[in-house]
């Protein structure tokens, strides 16, 4: 079977919800997969990602990039796989390489900004978010700008960006959290806590929300309540090192 026909059939199988059959077809067609074309490497990489095998997905997509270094789609897919695996530094680098190919690709600057913020590269995240906003103003773009500005210690600017996000989508949970986090940075802990409590009462459970609530309670002098939130978070998310480190630090105080 010709390569294009194999890839078309495999893609149809994936769309039909049968990635295992697509996997088998691809590997049957290229027994030595190191010699498979870049599109086949890409497709199997995405299948491996769906199968929660990020290392193999990364290996296959890196091979696709090496085969077609000017391909935008391989680099973006690689960034997505790194991001999903929590390797935000590698995701940032993959998106950065894609941006050097096409800086105006829809959504790419936003993806870079989100990864860069999580990687601690806040100034780069801010620049990318502002570039995204120059092209398309969305609540998500305003929110990631708010996060980046907060990372840079710019509390008032972060609050302003979060409010812009909420103007576009008042129900945007992340933007609500960003607003609360900015208020907390500005020393307005009571207002921040009201926002965090509102989010929690809606059924949202997330490590960052618990940490923010606990920090607001601490700022208000409610140590017992803060400790209770920290302990609950420690039990809910035992496998998150950053969260556990923050809780351990709190216990030492």
Protein backbone atom coordinates (compact mmCIF):
# COMPACT_ATOMS: atom_id res chain seq x y z
CA UNK A 1 0.00 0.00 0.00
CA UNK A 2 1.32 3.43 -0.88
CA UNK A 3 2.38 5.72 1.96
CA UNK A 4 -0.37 8.27 1.41
CA UNK A 5 -3.05 5.58 1.40
CA UNK A 6 -1.68 4.04 4.59
CA UNK A 7 -1.67 7.43 6.32
CA UNK A 8 -5.20 8.23 5.13
CA UNK A 9 -6.49 4.87 6.36
CA UNK A 10 -4.69 5.25 9.70
CA UNK A 11 -6.12 8.73 10.16
CA UNK A 12 -9.62 7.42 9.45
CA UNK A 13 -9.12 4.71 12.08
CA UNK A 14 -8.01 7.29 14.64
CA UNK A 15 -11.03 9.48 13.87
CA UNK A 16 -13.29 6.44 14.21
CA UNK A 17 -11.93 5.90 17.73
CA UNK A 18 -9.71 2.94 16.91
CA UNK A 19 -6.13 4.14 17.51
CA UNK A 20 -4.92 0.59 18.23
CA UNK A 21 -5.84 -0.49 14.70
CA UNK A 22 -4.11 2.61 13.30
CA UNK A 23 -1.04 1.75 15.38
CA UNK A 24 -0.98 -1.79 14.01
CA UNK A 25 -1.43 -0.61 10.42
CA UNK A 26 1.41 1.89 10.67
CA UNK A 27 3.84 -0.59 12.16
CA UNK A 28 2.87 -3.30 9.66
CA UNK A 29 3.48 -0.87 6.81
CA UNK A 30 6.90 0.17 8.17
CA UNK A 31 8.43 -2.78 10.09
CA UNK A 32 11.57 -0.67 10.56
CA UNK A 33 9.81 2.43 11.83
CA UNK A 34 13.02 4.43 11.89
CA UNK A 35 12.61 4.56 8.11
CA UNK A 36 8.97 5.67 8.21
CA UNK A 37 8.10 9.07 6.69
CA UNK A 38 7.73 12.07 8.97
CA UNK A 39 3.93 12.06 8.76
CA UNK A 40 3.84 8.45 9.97
CA UNK A 41 6.19 9.29 12.84
CA UNK A 42 3.97 12.24 13.71
CA UNK A 43 0.79 10.18 13.67
CA UNK A 44 2.20 7.38 15.78
CA UNK A 45 3.61 9.97 18.16
CA UNK A 46 0.17 11.43 18.69
CA UNK A 47 -1.27 7.95 19.19
CA UNK A 48 1.38 7.28 21.84
CA UNK A 49 0.46 10.56 23.52
CA UNK A 50 -3.19 9.50 23.64
CA UNK A 51 -2.02 6.19 25.10
CA UNK A 52 -0.26 8.15 27.86
CA UNK A 53 3.21 7.18 26.75
CA UNK A 54 4.78 10.65 26.59
CA UNK A 55 8.39 9.52 26.29
CA UNK A 56 7.70 7.44 23.20
CA UNK A 57 5.50 10.20 21.80
CA UNK A 58 8.35 12.69 22.28
CA UNK A 59 10.88 10.33 20.66
CA UNK A 60 8.69 9.85 17.59
CA UNK A 61 7.93 13.56 17.21
CA UNK A 62 11.58 14.49 17.63
CA UNK A 63 12.32 12.06 14.81
CA UNK A 64 9.62 13.74 12.70
CA UNK A 65 11.20 17.14 13.43
CA UNK A 66 14.62 15.83 12.49
CA UNK A 67 13.22 14.50 9.22
CA UNK A 68 11.34 17.73 8.38
CA UNK A 69 12.91 20.54 10.44
CA UNK A 70 10.91 23.28 8.67
CA UNK A 71 7.57 21.63 9.41
CA UNK A 72 5.47 23.74 11.76
CA UNK A 73 3.03 20.97 12.69
CA UNK A 74 5.68 18.58 14.02
CA UNK A 75 7.13 21.23 16.34
CA UNK A 76 3.72 22.37 17.59
CA UNK A 77 2.67 18.77 18.26
CA UNK A 78 5.93 18.20 20.12
CA UNK A 79 5.20 21.28 22.23
CA UNK A 80 1.72 19.98 23.05
CA UNK A 81 3.12 16.60 24.11
CA UNK A 82 5.74 18.20 26.37
CA UNK A 83 3.11 20.53 27.84
CA UNK A 84 0.70 17.67 28.58
CA UNK A 85 3.55 15.82 30.32
CA UNK A 86 4.31 18.85 32.50
CA UNK A 87 7.71 19.53 30.91
CA UNK A 88 7.02 23.22 30.43
CA UNK A 89 10.61 24.24 29.67
CA UNK A 90 10.80 21.78 26.79
CA UNK A 91 7.33 22.82 25.60
CA UNK A 92 8.42 26.46 25.59
CA UNK A 93 11.47 25.62 23.51
CA UNK A 94 9.40 23.58 21.03
CA UNK A 95 6.86 26.38 20.60
CA UNK A 96 9.69 28.91 20.29
CA UNK A 97 11.18 26.92 17.42
CA UNK A 98 7.75 26.86 15.77
CA UNK A 99 7.37 30.62 16.21
CA UNK A 100 10.64 31.13 14.37
CA UNK A 101 9.05 29.38 11.40
CA UNK A 102 5.73 31.27 11.55
CA UNK A 103 5.21 33.88 14.27
CA UNK A 104 1.65 34.55 13.16
CA UNK A 105 0.28 31.00 13.25
CA UNK A 106 -3.11 31.22 15.05
CA UNK A 107 -2.87 30.36 18.73
CA UNK A 108 0.86 29.63 18.69
CA UNK A 109 1.90 32.74 20.63
CA UNK A 110 -0.74 31.91 23.24
CA UNK A 111 0.55 28.33 23.57
CA UNK A 112 4.09 29.65 23.96
CA UNK A 113 2.97 32.16 26.59
CA UNK A 114 1.16 29.52 28.63
CA UNK A 115 4.19 27.23 28.58
CA UNK A 116 6.66 30.02 29.27
CA UNK A 117 4.68 31.20 32.29
CA UNK A 118 4.66 27.70 33.77
CA UNK A 119 8.39 27.38 33.02
CA UNK A 120 9.06 30.57 35.00
CA UNK A 121 10.00 32.57 31.92
CA UNK A 122 7.63 35.37 32.82
CA UNK A 123 9.03 38.18 30.67
CA UNK A 124 8.83 35.99 27.56
CA UNK A 125 5.32 34.93 28.55
CA UNK A 126 4.28 38.58 28.84
CA UNK A 127 5.67 39.48 25.41
CA UNK A 128 3.98 36.52 23.75
CA UNK A 129 0.64 37.21 25.45
CA UNK A 130 0.73 40.83 24.32
CA UNK A 131 1.53 39.68 20.79
CA UNK A 132 -1.46 37.34 20.88
CA UNK A 133 -3.67 40.14 22.16
CA UNK A 134 -2.50 42.43 19.35
CA UNK A 135 -4.00 39.91 16.92
CA UNK A 136 -6.96 38.52 18.82
CA UNK A 137 -8.36 39.59 22.18
CA UNK A 138 -9.64 36.59 24.13
CA UNK A 139 -10.24 35.90 27.80
CA UNK A 140 -7.56 33.19 27.70
CA UNK A 141 -4.95 35.57 26.31
CA UNK A 142 -5.78 38.26 28.88
CA UNK A 143 -5.59 35.66 31.63
CA UNK A 144 -2.17 34.35 30.67
CA UNK A 145 -0.98 37.96 30.51
CA UNK A 146 -2.34 38.43 34.04
CA UNK A 147 -0.39 35.37 35.17
CA UNK A 148 2.83 36.55 33.53
CA UNK A 149 2.52 40.02 35.04
CA UNK A 150 1.93 38.51 38.46
CA UNK A 151 5.06 36.42 37.98
CA UNK A 152 6.92 39.67 37.33
CA UNK A 153 5.56 41.21 40.52
CA UNK A 154 3.28 43.65 38.68
CA UNK A 155 0.19 43.26 40.86
CA UNK A 156 -1.94 46.15 39.61
CA UNK A 157 -1.24 45.40 35.94
CA UNK A 158 -2.06 41.75 36.59
CA UNK A 159 -5.36 42.73 38.19
CA UNK A 160 -6.20 44.97 35.23
CA UNK A 161 -5.50 42.12 32.79
CA UNK A 162 -7.63 39.69 34.81
CA UNK A 163 -10.50 42.18 34.77
CA UNK A 164 -10.17 42.47 30.98
CA UNK A 165 -10.47 38.68 30.76
CA UNK A 166 -13.59 38.71 32.93
CA UNK A 167 -15.13 41.45 30.80
CA UNK A 168 -15.00 39.00 27.91
CA UNK A 169 -15.99 35.92 29.92
CA UNK A 170 -17.27 36.51 33.42
CA UNK A 171 -17.43 32.75 34.08
CA UNK A 172 -13.74 32.19 33.24
CA UNK A 173 -12.53 30.29 36.32
CA UNK A 174 -8.82 30.83 35.71
CA UNK A 175 -9.37 34.56 35.25
CA UNK A 176 -11.32 34.69 38.51
CA UNK A 177 -8.43 32.96 40.23
CA UNK A 178 -6.00 35.40 38.59
CA UNK A 179 -8.04 38.31 39.88
CA UNK A 180 -7.94 36.88 43.39
CA UNK A 181 -4.20 36.19 43.17
CA UNK A 182 -3.53 39.75 42.02
CA UNK A 183 -5.62 41.16 44.86
CA UNK A 184 -3.67 39.00 47.29
CA UNK A 185 -0.42 40.35 45.88
CA UNK A 186 -1.75 43.88 46.39
CA UNK A 187 -2.48 43.17 50.06
CA UNK A 188 -6.25 42.95 49.60
CA UNK A 189 -6.53 39.52 51.22
CA UNK A 190 -10.18 39.73 52.29
CA UNK A 191 -11.33 40.48 48.72
CA UNK A 192 -9.06 37.74 47.42
CA UNK A 193 -10.40 35.17 49.87
CA UNK A 194 -13.99 35.99 48.90
CA UNK A 195 -13.13 35.18 45.28
CA UNK A 196 -11.30 31.95 46.16
CA UNK A 197 -14.19 30.84 48.38
CA UNK A 198 -16.66 31.57 45.59
CA UNK A 199 -14.66 29.45 43.17
CA UNK A 200 -14.36 26.61 45.68
CA UNK A 201 -18.07 26.71 46.48
CA UNK A 202 -18.82 26.15 42.79
CA UNK A 203 -17.16 22.72 43.05
CA UNK A 204 -13.76 23.55 41.58
CA UNK A 205 -10.89 21.60 43.13
CA UNK A 206 -7.34 22.52 42.12
CA UNK A 207 -3.97 22.71 43.89
CA UNK A 208 -3.42 26.36 42.97
CA UNK A 209 -6.83 27.30 44.35
CA UNK A 210 -6.11 25.57 47.66
CA UNK A 211 -2.73 27.27 47.97
CA UNK A 212 -4.24 30.66 47.18
CA UNK A 213 -7.02 30.17 49.72
CA UNK A 214 -4.53 29.13 52.39
CA UNK A 215 -2.28 32.09 51.65
CA UNK A 216 -5.24 34.48 51.90
CA UNK A 217 -6.26 32.95 55.22
CA UNK A 218 -2.67 33.30 56.48
CA UNK A 219 -2.61 36.94 55.42
CA UNK A 220 -5.77 37.50 57.43
CA UNK A 221 -4.25 35.87 60.52
CA UNK A 222 -6.47 32.78 60.33
CA UNK A 223 -3.67 30.26 60.91
CA UNK A 224 -5.86 27.33 62.01
CA UNK A 225 -8.07 27.66 58.93
CA UNK A 226 -5.03 28.00 56.67
CA UNK A 227 -3.48 24.85 58.18
CA UNK A 228 -6.69 22.94 57.52
CA UNK A 229 -6.64 23.94 53.85
CA UNK A 230 -2.98 22.98 53.53
CA UNK A 231 -3.57 19.58 55.13
CA UNK A 232 -6.55 18.91 52.89
CA UNK A 233 -4.46 19.80 49.82
CA UNK A 234 -1.64 17.51 50.97
CA UNK A 235 -4.08 14.60 51.18
CA UNK A 236 -5.78 15.36 47.86
CA UNK A 237 -2.62 15.78 45.74
CA UNK A 238 0.16 13.70 47.32
CA UNK A 239 2.08 13.40 44.03
CA UNK A 240 2.62 17.10 43.31
CA UNK A 241 6.17 18.01 44.48
CA UNK A 242 5.71 21.79 44.35
CA UNK A 243 2.54 21.58 46.40
CA UNK A 244 4.12 19.25 48.96
CA UNK A 245 7.19 21.50 49.21
CA UNK A 246 4.98 24.52 49.91
CA UNK A 247 3.07 22.62 52.59
CA UNK A 248 6.30 21.32 54.16
CA UNK A 249 7.63 24.87 54.27
CA UNK A 250 4.42 25.99 55.98
CA UNK A 251 4.74 23.24 58.59
CA UNK A 252 8.25 24.41 59.49
CA UNK A 253 7.04 27.92 60.28
